[in-house]
């Protein structure tokens, strides 16, 4: 039997943002989110915000992130940012074609007594400079609130590509 249980699957295209609500609960401590895209994005990177148990999107500057971006045509880039209002670089960067994929692990989102941590990995083909891009990152919401969902957004333009997000609960056998 698989340790992953599919909780939600959402498919959309040509929107500015998409909210996936009521997927995190006390049933699991660890969740896996996959995010697949097809088509070309001429806008900016795709970002994420978390949704609390009141149904409100957390827009406060309480996200911290660090990431490593690997580029096939030039040197790598590292960065860290504190007190920002989104979880950055969860998906496709501008100029991407032929699709991209992201895997995000979310730790303890429903617990109101601990921070919510995220591990993010993605890969894409960037047609603008014919390069393969890889990304690994970690983010944390530095507030202790019960998180029940997430919002995917592209602030500078609408997501004119097709995309599917799947959320799984990860069962840990003892």
C-alpha atoms as a PDB file:
ATOM      1  CA  UNK A   1       0.000   0.000   0.000  1.00  0.00           C
ATOM      2  CA  UNK A   2       1.279   3.466  -0.891  1.00  0.00           C
ATOM      3  CA  UNK A   3       2.269   5.927   1.807  1.00  0.00           C
ATOM      4  CA  UNK A   4       0.791   8.751  -0.288  1.00  0.00           C
ATOM      5  CA  UNK A   5      -2.918   9.536  -0.271  1.00  0.00           C
ATOM      6  CA  UNK A   6      -4.248  11.877  -2.955  1.00  0.00           C
ATOM      7  CA  UNK A   7      -6.268  14.600  -1.245  1.00  0.00           C
ATOM      8  CA  UNK A   8      -6.887  17.083  -4.058  1.00  0.00           C
ATOM      9  CA  UNK A   9      -6.230  17.615  -7.772  1.00  0.00           C
ATOM     10  CA  UNK A  10      -6.871  20.986  -9.393  1.00  0.00           C
ATOM     11  CA  UNK A  11      -6.349  21.881 -13.068  1.00  0.00           C
ATOM     12  CA  UNK A  12      -6.580  25.408 -14.448  1.00  0.00           C
ATOM     13  CA  UNK A  13      -5.230  27.824 -17.050  1.00  0.00           C
ATOM     14  CA  UNK A  14      -5.194  31.544 -17.829  1.00  0.00           C
ATOM     15  CA  UNK A  15      -5.716  32.809 -14.285  1.00  0.00           C
ATOM     16  CA  UNK A  16      -3.781  35.201 -12.043  1.00  0.00           C
ATOM     17  CA  UNK A  17      -4.030  32.968  -8.976  1.00  0.00           C
ATOM     18  CA  UNK A  18      -5.468  29.682  -7.819  1.00  0.00           C
ATOM     19  CA  UNK A  19      -6.429  28.741  -4.257  1.00  0.00           C
ATOM     20  CA  UNK A  20      -6.468  25.164  -2.991  1.00  0.00           C
ATOM     21  CA  UNK A  21      -8.349  25.121   0.304  1.00  0.00           C
ATOM     22  CA  UNK A  22      -9.061  22.598   3.035  1.00  0.00           C
ATOM     23  CA  UNK A  23      -6.296  20.140   2.095  1.00  0.00           C
ATOM     24  CA  UNK A  24      -4.183  20.299   5.277  1.00  0.00           C
ATOM     25  CA  UNK A  25      -5.676  18.778   8.430  1.00  0.00           C
ATOM     26  CA  UNK A  26      -4.725  16.878  11.560  1.00  0.00           C
ATOM     27  CA  UNK A  27      -4.737  13.652   9.499  1.00  0.00           C
ATOM     28  CA  UNK A  28      -1.112  14.144   8.347  1.00  0.00           C
ATOM     29  CA  UNK A  29       2.010  16.003   9.498  1.00  0.00           C
ATOM     30  CA  UNK A  30       3.711  15.926   6.073  1.00  0.00           C
ATOM     31  CA  UNK A  31       2.184  16.763   2.694  1.00  0.00           C
ATOM     32  CA  UNK A  32       3.500  16.505  -0.849  1.00  0.00           C
ATOM     33  CA  UNK A  33       2.372  18.980  -3.501  1.00  0.00           C
ATOM     34  CA  UNK A  34       3.174  18.476  -7.185  1.00  0.00           C
ATOM     35  CA  UNK A  35       2.797  21.298  -9.671  1.00  0.00           C
ATOM     36  CA  UNK A  36       3.071  20.569 -13.402  1.00  0.00           C
ATOM     37  CA  UNK A  37       2.859  23.116 -16.208  1.00  0.00           C
ATOM     38  CA  UNK A  38       2.597  22.965 -19.974  1.00  0.00           C
ATOM     39  CA  UNK A  39       2.983  25.793 -22.459  1.00  0.00           C
ATOM     40  CA  UNK A  40       4.946  29.027 -22.293  1.00  0.00           C
ATOM     41  CA  UNK A  41       5.034  31.571 -19.475  1.00  0.00           C
ATOM     42  CA  UNK A  42       6.053  35.074 -20.530  1.00  0.00           C
ATOM     43  CA  UNK A  43       5.422  36.577 -17.117  1.00  0.00           C
ATOM     44  CA  UNK A  44       7.284  36.182 -13.873  1.00  0.00           C
ATOM     45  CA  UNK A  45       8.065  33.315 -11.541  1.00  0.00           C
ATOM     46  CA  UNK A  46       5.221  31.484  -9.875  1.00  0.00           C
ATOM     47  CA  UNK A  47       4.910  32.089  -6.146  1.00  0.00           C
ATOM     48  CA  UNK A  48       2.878  30.699  -3.257  1.00  0.00           C
ATOM     49  CA  UNK A  49       1.127  31.930  -0.135  1.00  0.00           C
ATOM     50  CA  UNK A  50      -0.446  29.837   2.595  1.00  0.00           C
ATOM     51  CA  UNK A  51      -4.097  29.964   3.679  1.00  0.00           C
ATOM     52  CA  UNK A  52      -4.953  29.847   7.394  1.00  0.00           C
ATOM     53  CA  UNK A  53      -7.831  28.029   9.090  1.00  0.00           C
ATOM     54  CA  UNK A  54      -9.970  31.189   8.891  1.00  0.00           C
ATOM     55  CA  UNK A  55      -9.744  30.984   5.095  1.00  0.00           C
ATOM     56  CA  UNK A  56      -7.508  34.069   4.846  1.00  0.00           C
ATOM     57  CA  UNK A  57      -4.441  34.155   2.632  1.00  0.00           C
ATOM     58  CA  UNK A  58      -1.359  34.960   4.735  1.00  0.00           C
ATOM     59  CA  UNK A  59       0.004  38.105   3.051  1.00  0.00           C
ATOM     60  CA  UNK A  60       2.059  39.371   5.993  1.00  0.00           C
ATOM     61  CA  UNK A  61       5.818  39.673   5.517  1.00  0.00           C
ATOM     62  CA  UNK A  62       6.427  36.547   7.590  1.00  0.00           C
ATOM     63  CA  UNK A  63       7.965  34.178   5.046  1.00  0.00           C
ATOM     64  CA  UNK A  64      11.701  33.418   4.986  1.00  0.00           C
ATOM     65  CA  UNK A  65      13.373  31.596   2.077  1.00  0.00           C
ATOM     66  CA  UNK A  66      16.734  30.348   0.862  1.00  0.00           C
ATOM     67  CA  UNK A  67      17.393  28.718  -2.493  1.00  0.00           C
ATOM     68  CA  UNK A  68      19.933  27.398  -4.958  1.00  0.00           C
ATOM     69  CA  UNK A  69      19.242  27.834  -8.661  1.00  0.00           C
ATOM     70  CA  UNK A  70      21.221  25.662 -11.063  1.00  0.00           C
ATOM     71  CA  UNK A  71      21.563  26.845 -14.665  1.00  0.00           C
ATOM     72  CA  UNK A  72      22.912  24.710 -17.484  1.00  0.00           C
ATOM     73  CA  UNK A  73      24.312  27.699 -19.404  1.00  0.00           C
ATOM     74  CA  UNK A  74      25.980  29.705 -16.621  1.00  0.00           C
ATOM     75  CA  UNK A  75      26.966  29.577 -12.960  1.00  0.00           C
ATOM     76  CA  UNK A  76      24.561  28.812 -10.139  1.00  0.00           C
ATOM     77  CA  UNK A  77      22.820  31.411  -7.985  1.00  0.00           C
ATOM     78  CA  UNK A  78      22.124  31.289  -4.257  1.00  0.00           C
ATOM     79  CA  UNK A  79      19.988  33.674  -2.279  1.00  0.00           C
ATOM     80  CA  UNK A  80      18.154  34.043   0.989  1.00  0.00           C
ATOM     81  CA  UNK A  81      15.446  36.470   1.926  1.00  0.00           C
ATOM     82  CA  UNK A  82      13.692  37.211   5.175  1.00  0.00           C
ATOM     83  CA  UNK A  83      10.392  38.900   5.974  1.00  0.00           C
ATOM     84  CA  UNK A  84       8.930  38.614   2.477  1.00  0.00           C
ATOM     85  CA  UNK A  85       5.235  38.299   1.629  1.00  0.00           C
ATOM     86  CA  UNK A  86       5.351  35.204  -0.629  1.00  0.00           C
ATOM     87  CA  UNK A  87       7.141  31.887  -1.013  1.00  0.00           C
ATOM     88  CA  UNK A  88       9.162  32.615  -4.129  1.00  0.00           C
ATOM     89  CA  UNK A  89      10.311  30.462  -7.043  1.00  0.00           C
ATOM     90  CA  UNK A  90       7.942  27.542  -6.650  1.00  0.00           C
ATOM     91  CA  UNK A  91       7.421  27.152 -10.355  1.00  0.00           C
ATOM     92  CA  UNK A  92       8.130  28.249 -13.862  1.00  0.00           C
ATOM     93  CA  UNK A  93      10.394  31.205 -14.551  1.00  0.00           C
ATOM     94  CA  UNK A  94       9.687  33.571 -17.422  1.00  0.00           C
ATOM     95  CA  UNK A  95      10.579  32.311 -20.866  1.00  0.00           C
ATOM     96  CA  UNK A  96       9.884  28.687 -19.995  1.00  0.00           C
ATOM     97  CA  UNK A  97       8.462  26.425 -22.659  1.00  0.00           C
ATOM     98  CA  UNK A  98       7.904  22.689 -22.988  1.00  0.00           C
ATOM     99  CA  UNK A  99       6.634  22.445 -19.428  1.00  0.00           C
ATOM    100  CA  UNK A 100       8.075  22.313 -15.963  1.00  0.00           C
ATOM    101  CA  UNK A 101       7.569  20.382 -12.761  1.00  0.00           C
ATOM    102  CA  UNK A 102       7.704  21.174  -9.057  1.00  0.00           C
ATOM    103  CA  UNK A 103       7.599  19.043  -5.917  1.00  0.00           C
ATOM    104  CA  UNK A 104       6.966  20.708  -2.551  1.00  0.00           C
ATOM    105  CA  UNK A 105       6.964  19.015   0.851  1.00  0.00           C
ATOM    106  CA  UNK A 106       5.033  20.850   3.570  1.00  0.00           C
ATOM    107  CA  UNK A 107       5.752  20.052   7.237  1.00  0.00           C
ATOM    108  CA  UNK A 108       3.283  20.555  10.121  1.00  0.00           C
ATOM    109  CA  UNK A 109       0.970  23.027   8.362  1.00  0.00           C
ATOM    110  CA  UNK A 110      -2.073  22.300  10.530  1.00  0.00           C
ATOM    111  CA  UNK A 111      -0.238  22.628  13.850  1.00  0.00           C
ATOM    112  CA  UNK A 112      -0.872  25.990  15.505  1.00  0.00           C
ATOM    113  CA  UNK A 113       2.082  25.496  17.867  1.00  0.00           C
ATOM    114  CA  UNK A 114       4.901  25.262  15.291  1.00  0.00           C
ATOM    115  CA  UNK A 115       6.103  27.004  12.159  1.00  0.00           C
ATOM    116  CA  UNK A 116       5.178  25.611   8.733  1.00  0.00           C
ATOM    117  CA  UNK A 117       8.265  24.590   6.713  1.00  0.00           C
ATOM    118  CA  UNK A 118       8.435  23.840   2.979  1.00  0.00           C
ATOM    119  CA  UNK A 119      11.073  22.074   0.851  1.00  0.00           C
ATOM    120  CA  UNK A 120      10.830  23.035  -2.822  1.00  0.00           C
ATOM    121  CA  UNK A 121      12.400  21.452  -5.924  1.00  0.00           C
ATOM    122  CA  UNK A 122      11.642  22.191  -9.558  1.00  0.00           C
ATOM    123  CA  UNK A 123      13.056  21.874 -13.051  1.00  0.00           C
ATOM    124  CA  UNK A 124      12.202  23.548 -16.343  1.00  0.00           C
ATOM    125  CA  UNK A 125      13.446  24.182 -19.860  1.00  0.00           C
ATOM    126  CA  UNK A 126      13.907  27.897 -20.569  1.00  0.00           C
ATOM    127  CA  UNK A 127      13.584  28.550 -24.292  1.00  0.00           C
ATOM    128  CA  UNK A 128      14.646  32.209 -23.963  1.00  0.00           C
ATOM    129  CA  UNK A 129      18.290  31.148 -23.566  1.00  0.00           C
ATOM    130  CA  UNK A 130      18.080  27.399 -24.291  1.00  0.00           C
ATOM    131  CA  UNK A 131      18.922  26.398 -20.762  1.00  0.00           C
ATOM    132  CA  UNK A 132      17.784  23.806 -18.292  1.00  0.00           C
ATOM    133  CA  UNK A 133      17.002  25.237 -14.836  1.00  0.00           C
ATOM    134  CA  UNK A 134      16.912  23.421 -11.538  1.00  0.00           C
ATOM    135  CA  UNK A 135      15.871  24.919  -8.239  1.00  0.00           C
ATOM    136  CA  UNK A 136      16.103  23.735  -4.633  1.00  0.00           C
ATOM    137  CA  UNK A 137      14.817  25.815  -1.786  1.00  0.00           C
ATOM    138  CA  UNK A 138      13.499  25.937   1.741  1.00  0.00           C
ATOM    139  CA  UNK A 139      10.883  28.312   3.119  1.00  0.00           C
ATOM    140  CA  UNK A 140       9.223  28.873   6.451  1.00  0.00           C
ATOM    141  CA  UNK A 141       6.162  30.785   7.606  1.00  0.00           C
ATOM    142  CA  UNK A 142       7.383  32.452  10.800  1.00  0.00           C
ATOM    143  CA  UNK A 143       4.028  32.586  12.516  1.00  0.00           C
ATOM    144  CA  UNK A 144       2.302  29.865  14.474  1.00  0.00           C
ATOM    145  CA  UNK A 145      -1.093  29.534  12.859  1.00  0.00           C
ATOM    146  CA  UNK A 146      -3.067  26.579  11.612  1.00  0.00           C
ATOM    147  CA  UNK A 147      -2.648  26.366   7.823  1.00  0.00           C
ATOM    148  CA  UNK A 148      -5.305  24.541   5.798  1.00  0.00           C
ATOM    149  CA  UNK A 149      -4.441  25.406   2.189  1.00  0.00           C
ATOM    150  CA  UNK A 150      -2.322  27.379  -0.239  1.00  0.00           C
ATOM    151  CA  UNK A 151      -2.574  29.906  -3.057  1.00  0.00           C
ATOM    152  CA  UNK A 152      -0.484  29.767  -6.228  1.00  0.00           C
ATOM    153  CA  UNK A 153       0.008  33.127  -7.920  1.00  0.00           C
ATOM    154  CA  UNK A 154       1.866  34.976 -10.614  1.00  0.00           C
ATOM    155  CA  UNK A 155       1.902  38.622  -9.563  1.00  0.00           C
ATOM    156  CA  UNK A 156       3.067  40.260 -12.797  1.00  0.00           C
ATOM    157  CA  UNK A 157       0.781  38.517 -15.282  1.00  0.00           C
ATOM    158  CA  UNK A 158      -1.818  35.800 -15.558  1.00  0.00           C
ATOM    159  CA  UNK A 159      -0.792  32.174 -15.811  1.00  0.00           C
ATOM    160  CA  UNK A 160      -1.482  31.647 -19.505  1.00  0.00           C
ATOM    161  CA  UNK A 161      -0.339  28.059 -19.382  1.00  0.00           C
ATOM    162  CA  UNK A 162      -2.052  24.892 -18.395  1.00  0.00           C
ATOM    163  CA  UNK A 163      -1.210  23.550 -14.975  1.00  0.00           C
ATOM    164  CA  UNK A 164      -2.208  20.837 -12.559  1.00  0.00           C
ATOM    165  CA  UNK A 165      -1.528  20.754  -8.843  1.00  0.00           C
ATOM    166  CA  UNK A 166      -1.937  17.631  -6.732  1.00  0.00           C
ATOM    167  CA  UNK A 167      -1.831  17.478  -2.945  1.00  0.00           C
ATOM    168  CA  UNK A 168      -1.013  14.244  -1.124  1.00  0.00           C
ATOM    169  CA  UNK A 169      -0.919  13.330   2.557  1.00  0.00           C
ATOM    170  CA  UNK A 170       2.188  11.340   3.529  1.00  0.00           C
ATOM    171  CA  UNK A 171       1.492   8.496   5.907  1.00  0.00           C
ATOM    172  CA  UNK A 172       4.368   7.420   8.138  1.00  0.00           C
ATOM    173  CA  UNK A 173       4.214   3.790   9.210  1.00  0.00           C
ATOM    174  CA  UNK A 174       5.646   2.946  12.595  1.00  0.00           C
END
